[in-house]
Amino acid sequence: MAVYVDSPIWKWRGKYWCHLLADSLNELHAFADLLGLQSEWFQKKARFPHYDITKNIRLKALRMGAIEANNRTIAEKAIQLRAEYVNAVK
């Protein structure tokens, strides 16, 4: 299972946030569940499917094996997940 996080650079409600992505939607949801994220937090209507997580949850994800990814990797995974999601909802 490969799960990815980017840098927590978006400030909202007094916290810094980042994206949680994976190689597949199944992996993404499984890892999100292990992190204790609620399924309603899944960002399916965004430009790409992902979970938004806080800086603290990001640290937990990294300790659990998530990969700190650069913008290029995040973009590649975003495209991959979007295609998988679009095909799944057809």
N, C-alpha and C. Protein backbone atom coordinates (compact mmCIF):
# COMPACT_ATOMS: atom_id res chain seq x y z
N MET A 1 0.85 -1.17 0.00
CA MET A 1 0.00 0.00 0.00
C MET A 1 0.89 1.23 0.00
N ALA A 2 0.65 2.12 -0.94
CA ALA A 2 1.38 3.38 -0.97
C ALA A 2 0.40 4.53 -0.79
N VAL A 3 0.67 5.31 0.23
CA VAL A 3 -0.16 6.47 0.56
C VAL A 3 0.76 7.68 0.60
N TYR A 4 0.25 8.82 0.17
CA TYR A 4 1.08 10.01 0.00
C TYR A 4 0.45 11.21 0.71
N VAL A 5 1.32 12.08 1.21
CA VAL A 5 0.89 13.36 1.77
C VAL A 5 1.78 14.46 1.19
N ASP A 6 1.17 15.62 1.00
CA ASP A 6 1.97 16.76 0.56
C ASP A 6 2.25 17.66 1.77
N SER A 7 2.78 18.81 1.54
CA SER A 7 3.14 19.72 2.63
C SER A 7 1.89 20.43 3.16
N PRO A 8 1.83 20.61 4.47
CA PRO A 8 0.67 21.30 5.06
C PRO A 8 0.81 22.82 4.93
N ILE A 9 0.37 23.35 3.80
CA ILE A 9 0.57 24.77 3.54
C ILE A 9 -0.73 25.57 3.50
N TRP A 10 -1.89 24.90 3.54
CA TRP A 10 -3.16 25.60 3.46
C TRP A 10 -3.70 25.84 4.86
N LYS A 11 -3.86 27.11 5.20
CA LYS A 11 -4.38 27.45 6.52
C LYS A 11 -5.89 27.63 6.44
N TRP A 12 -6.60 26.95 7.34
CA TRP A 12 -8.06 27.03 7.42
C TRP A 12 -8.48 26.74 8.84
N ARG A 13 -9.30 27.59 9.36
CA ARG A 13 -9.79 27.44 10.74
C ARG A 13 -8.67 27.31 11.75
N GLY A 14 -7.63 28.08 11.54
CA GLY A 14 -6.53 28.13 12.49
C GLY A 14 -5.57 26.96 12.45
N LYS A 15 -5.70 26.08 11.47
CA LYS A 15 -4.82 24.91 11.35
C LYS A 15 -4.24 24.86 9.94
N TYR A 16 -3.12 24.18 9.81
CA TYR A 16 -2.53 23.93 8.50
C TYR A 16 -2.96 22.56 8.01
N TRP A 17 -3.31 22.51 6.72
CA TRP A 17 -3.87 21.31 6.13
C TRP A 17 -3.06 20.87 4.91
N CYS A 18 -3.22 19.59 4.57
CA CYS A 18 -2.60 19.03 3.36
C CYS A 18 -3.51 17.95 2.80
N HIS A 19 -3.06 17.29 1.76
CA HIS A 19 -3.83 16.24 1.08
C HIS A 19 -3.29 14.85 1.41
N LEU A 20 -4.19 13.91 1.51
CA LEU A 20 -3.86 12.50 1.65
C LEU A 20 -4.36 11.80 0.39
N LEU A 21 -3.45 11.14 -0.34
CA LEU A 21 -3.77 10.41 -1.56
C LEU A 21 -3.14 9.03 -1.49
N ALA A 22 -3.45 8.18 -2.45
CA ALA A 22 -2.87 6.83 -2.48
C ALA A 22 -2.81 6.34 -3.92
N ASP A 23 -2.27 5.13 -4.08
CA ASP A 23 -2.19 4.53 -5.41
C ASP A 23 -3.56 4.09 -5.93
N SER A 24 -4.50 3.86 -5.02
CA SER A 24 -5.86 3.46 -5.43
C SER A 24 -6.85 3.98 -4.40
N LEU A 25 -8.10 4.04 -4.82
CA LEU A 25 -9.15 4.48 -3.89
C LEU A 25 -9.29 3.52 -2.72
N ASN A 26 -9.17 2.22 -2.97
CA ASN A 26 -9.27 1.24 -1.88
C ASN A 26 -8.17 1.47 -0.85
N GLU A 27 -6.96 1.70 -1.32
CA GLU A 27 -5.85 1.97 -0.40
C GLU A 27 -6.06 3.28 0.35
N LEU A 28 -6.57 4.27 -0.35
CA LEU A 28 -6.82 5.56 0.29
C LEU A 28 -7.83 5.43 1.42
N HIS A 29 -8.95 4.77 1.14
CA HIS A 29 -9.99 4.62 2.16
C HIS A 29 -9.52 3.73 3.31
N ALA A 30 -8.77 2.68 3.02
CA ALA A 30 -8.27 1.80 4.08
C ALA A 30 -7.32 2.56 5.01
N PHE A 31 -6.44 3.35 4.44
CA PHE A 31 -5.48 4.10 5.26
C PHE A 31 -6.21 5.19 6.04
N ALA A 32 -7.16 5.85 5.40
CA ALA A 32 -7.94 6.88 6.09
C ALA A 32 -8.66 6.27 7.29
N ASP A 33 -9.18 5.08 7.12
CA ASP A 33 -9.85 4.39 8.22
C ASP A 33 -8.87 4.11 9.36
N LEU A 34 -7.66 3.66 9.03
CA LEU A 34 -6.63 3.42 10.05
C LEU A 34 -6.26 4.71 10.79
N LEU A 35 -6.32 5.83 10.09
CA LEU A 35 -6.02 7.12 10.71
C LEU A 35 -7.18 7.63 11.58
N GLY A 36 -8.33 6.99 11.43
CA GLY A 36 -9.50 7.42 12.18
C GLY A 36 -10.31 8.51 11.50
N LEU A 37 -10.11 8.67 10.18
CA LEU A 37 -10.86 9.67 9.44
C LEU A 37 -12.26 9.16 9.15
N GLN A 38 -13.22 10.05 9.11
CA GLN A 38 -14.60 9.68 8.81
C GLN A 38 -14.77 9.64 7.29
N SER A 39 -15.55 8.67 6.82
CA SER A 39 -15.74 8.53 5.38
C SER A 39 -16.39 9.76 4.76
N GLU A 40 -17.17 10.52 5.55
CA GLU A 40 -17.80 11.74 5.03
C GLU A 40 -16.78 12.81 4.69
N TRP A 41 -15.57 12.67 5.20
CA TRP A 41 -14.53 13.66 4.94
C TRP A 41 -13.86 13.45 3.58
N PHE A 42 -14.20 12.36 2.90
CA PHE A 42 -13.64 12.08 1.59
C PHE A 42 -14.07 13.17 0.62
N GLN A 43 -13.10 13.78 -0.04
CA GLN A 43 -13.34 14.90 -0.95
C GLN A 43 -13.58 14.39 -2.37
N LYS A 44 -14.77 13.87 -2.62
CA LYS A 44 -15.08 13.30 -3.93
C LYS A 44 -15.53 14.34 -4.94
N LYS A 45 -15.96 15.51 -4.48
CA LYS A 45 -16.42 16.55 -5.40
C LYS A 45 -15.34 17.58 -5.70
N ALA A 46 -14.17 17.38 -5.17
CA ALA A 46 -13.03 18.27 -5.43
C ALA A 46 -12.46 17.97 -6.82
N ARG A 47 -11.42 18.71 -7.20
CA ARG A 47 -10.77 18.46 -8.50
C ARG A 47 -10.24 17.04 -8.60
N PHE A 48 -9.88 16.45 -7.48
CA PHE A 48 -9.42 15.07 -7.45
C PHE A 48 -9.82 14.47 -6.10
N PRO A 49 -10.08 13.16 -6.06
CA PRO A 49 -10.49 12.52 -4.82
C PRO A 49 -9.33 12.47 -3.82
N HIS A 50 -9.60 12.88 -2.59
CA HIS A 50 -8.58 12.90 -1.55
C HIS A 50 -9.23 13.15 -0.20
N TYR A 51 -8.43 13.08 0.83
CA TYR A 51 -8.83 13.53 2.16
C TYR A 51 -7.96 14.73 2.51
N ASP A 52 -8.57 15.73 3.12
CA ASP A 52 -7.80 16.83 3.69
C ASP A 52 -7.47 16.44 5.12
N ILE A 53 -6.21 16.61 5.50
CA ILE A 53 -5.81 16.27 6.86
C ILE A 53 -4.98 17.41 7.45
N THR A 54 -5.03 17.50 8.76
CA THR A 54 -4.27 18.54 9.46
C THR A 54 -2.80 18.13 9.56
N LYS A 55 -2.01 19.10 9.94
CA LYS A 55 -0.57 18.87 10.12
C LYS A 55 -0.32 17.75 11.12
N ASN A 56 -1.09 17.71 12.20
CA ASN A 56 -0.91 16.66 13.22
C ASN A 56 -1.27 15.28 12.69
N ILE A 57 -2.36 15.18 11.95
CA ILE A 57 -2.74 13.89 11.36
C ILE A 57 -1.72 13.49 10.30
N ARG A 58 -1.16 14.46 9.60
CA ARG A 58 -0.11 14.19 8.61
C ARG A 58 1.08 13.51 9.29
N LEU A 59 1.48 14.02 10.45
CA LEU A 59 2.60 13.42 11.18
C LEU A 59 2.28 11.97 11.56
N LYS A 60 1.05 11.73 11.98
CA LYS A 60 0.63 10.36 12.32
C LYS A 60 0.68 9.48 11.07
N ALA A 61 0.21 10.02 9.94
CA ALA A 61 0.23 9.26 8.68
C ALA A 61 1.66 8.90 8.29
N LEU A 62 2.58 9.84 8.44
CA LEU A 62 3.98 9.57 8.11
C LEU A 62 4.55 8.49 9.03
N ARG A 63 4.20 8.53 10.31
CA ARG A 63 4.67 7.49 11.23
C ARG A 63 4.10 6.12 10.86
N MET A 64 2.93 6.12 10.23
CA MET A 64 2.28 4.87 9.83
C MET A 64 2.73 4.40 8.45
N GLY A 65 3.62 5.15 7.81
CA GLY A 65 4.17 4.70 6.54
C GLY A 65 3.81 5.51 5.32
N ALA A 66 3.04 6.58 5.47
CA ALA A 66 2.75 7.43 4.32
C ALA A 66 4.05 8.04 3.80
N ILE A 67 4.05 8.36 2.54
CA ILE A 67 5.23 8.92 1.88
C ILE A 67 5.04 10.42 1.71
N GLU A 68 6.05 11.17 2.12
CA GLU A 68 6.04 12.61 1.90
C GLU A 68 6.35 12.85 0.43
N ALA A 69 5.37 13.38 -0.30
CA ALA A 69 5.50 13.47 -1.75
C ALA A 69 5.65 14.91 -2.22
N ASN A 70 6.36 15.05 -3.33
CA ASN A 70 6.51 16.37 -3.94
C ASN A 70 5.29 16.67 -4.83
N ASN A 71 5.23 17.87 -5.34
CA ASN A 71 4.08 18.29 -6.14
C ASN A 71 3.85 17.42 -7.37
N ARG A 72 4.94 16.97 -7.99
CA ARG A 72 4.79 16.13 -9.19
C ARG A 72 4.12 14.81 -8.85
N THR A 73 4.56 14.16 -7.78
CA THR A 73 3.96 12.90 -7.37
C THR A 73 2.49 13.09 -6.99
N ILE A 74 2.22 14.16 -6.26
CA ILE A 74 0.84 14.44 -5.86
C ILE A 74 -0.03 14.64 -7.11
N ALA A 75 0.48 15.37 -8.08
CA ALA A 75 -0.28 15.61 -9.32
C ALA A 75 -0.54 14.29 -10.06
N GLU A 76 0.47 13.43 -10.14
CA GLU A 76 0.31 12.13 -10.80
C GLU A 76 -0.74 11.28 -10.11
N LYS A 77 -0.68 11.23 -8.78
CA LYS A 77 -1.64 10.43 -8.01
C LYS A 77 -3.04 11.03 -8.11
N ALA A 78 -3.13 12.36 -8.15
CA ALA A 78 -4.43 13.02 -8.28
C ALA A 78 -5.09 12.64 -9.60
N ILE A 79 -4.33 12.65 -10.67
CA ILE A 79 -4.86 12.27 -11.99
C ILE A 79 -5.30 10.81 -11.98
N GLN A 80 -4.47 9.96 -11.40
CA GLN A 80 -4.77 8.53 -11.33
C GLN A 80 -6.04 8.28 -10.53
N LEU A 81 -6.17 8.91 -9.37
CA LEU A 81 -7.36 8.70 -8.54
C LEU A 81 -8.61 9.27 -9.20
N ARG A 82 -8.48 10.41 -9.85
CA ARG A 82 -9.63 11.00 -10.53
C ARG A 82 -10.15 10.05 -11.61
N ALA A 83 -9.23 9.48 -12.39
CA ALA A 83 -9.64 8.54 -13.44
C ALA A 83 -10.31 7.30 -12.83
N GLU A 84 -9.75 6.80 -11.75
CA GLU A 84 -10.34 5.63 -11.10
C GLU A 84 -11.74 5.96 -10.56
N TYR A 85 -11.88 7.12 -9.96
CA TYR A 85 -13.17 7.52 -9.40
C TYR A 85 -14.22 7.70 -10.50
N VAL A 86 -13.84 8.37 -11.58
CA VAL A 86 -14.78 8.58 -12.69
C VAL A 86 -15.23 7.25 -13.26
N ASN A 87 -14.32 6.30 -13.42
CA ASN A 87 -14.68 4.98 -13.95
C ASN A 87 -15.55 4.20 -12.97
N ALA A 88 -15.36 4.40 -11.69
CA ALA A 88 -16.12 3.68 -10.68
C ALA A 88 -17.58 4.16 -10.59
N VAL A 89 -17.80 5.43 -10.85
CA VAL A 89 -19.15 5.97 -10.71
C VAL A 89 -19.97 5.87 -12.01
N LYS A 90 -19.38 5.38 -13.07
CA LYS A 90 -20.11 5.21 -14.34
C LYS A 90 -21.08 4.06 -14.26
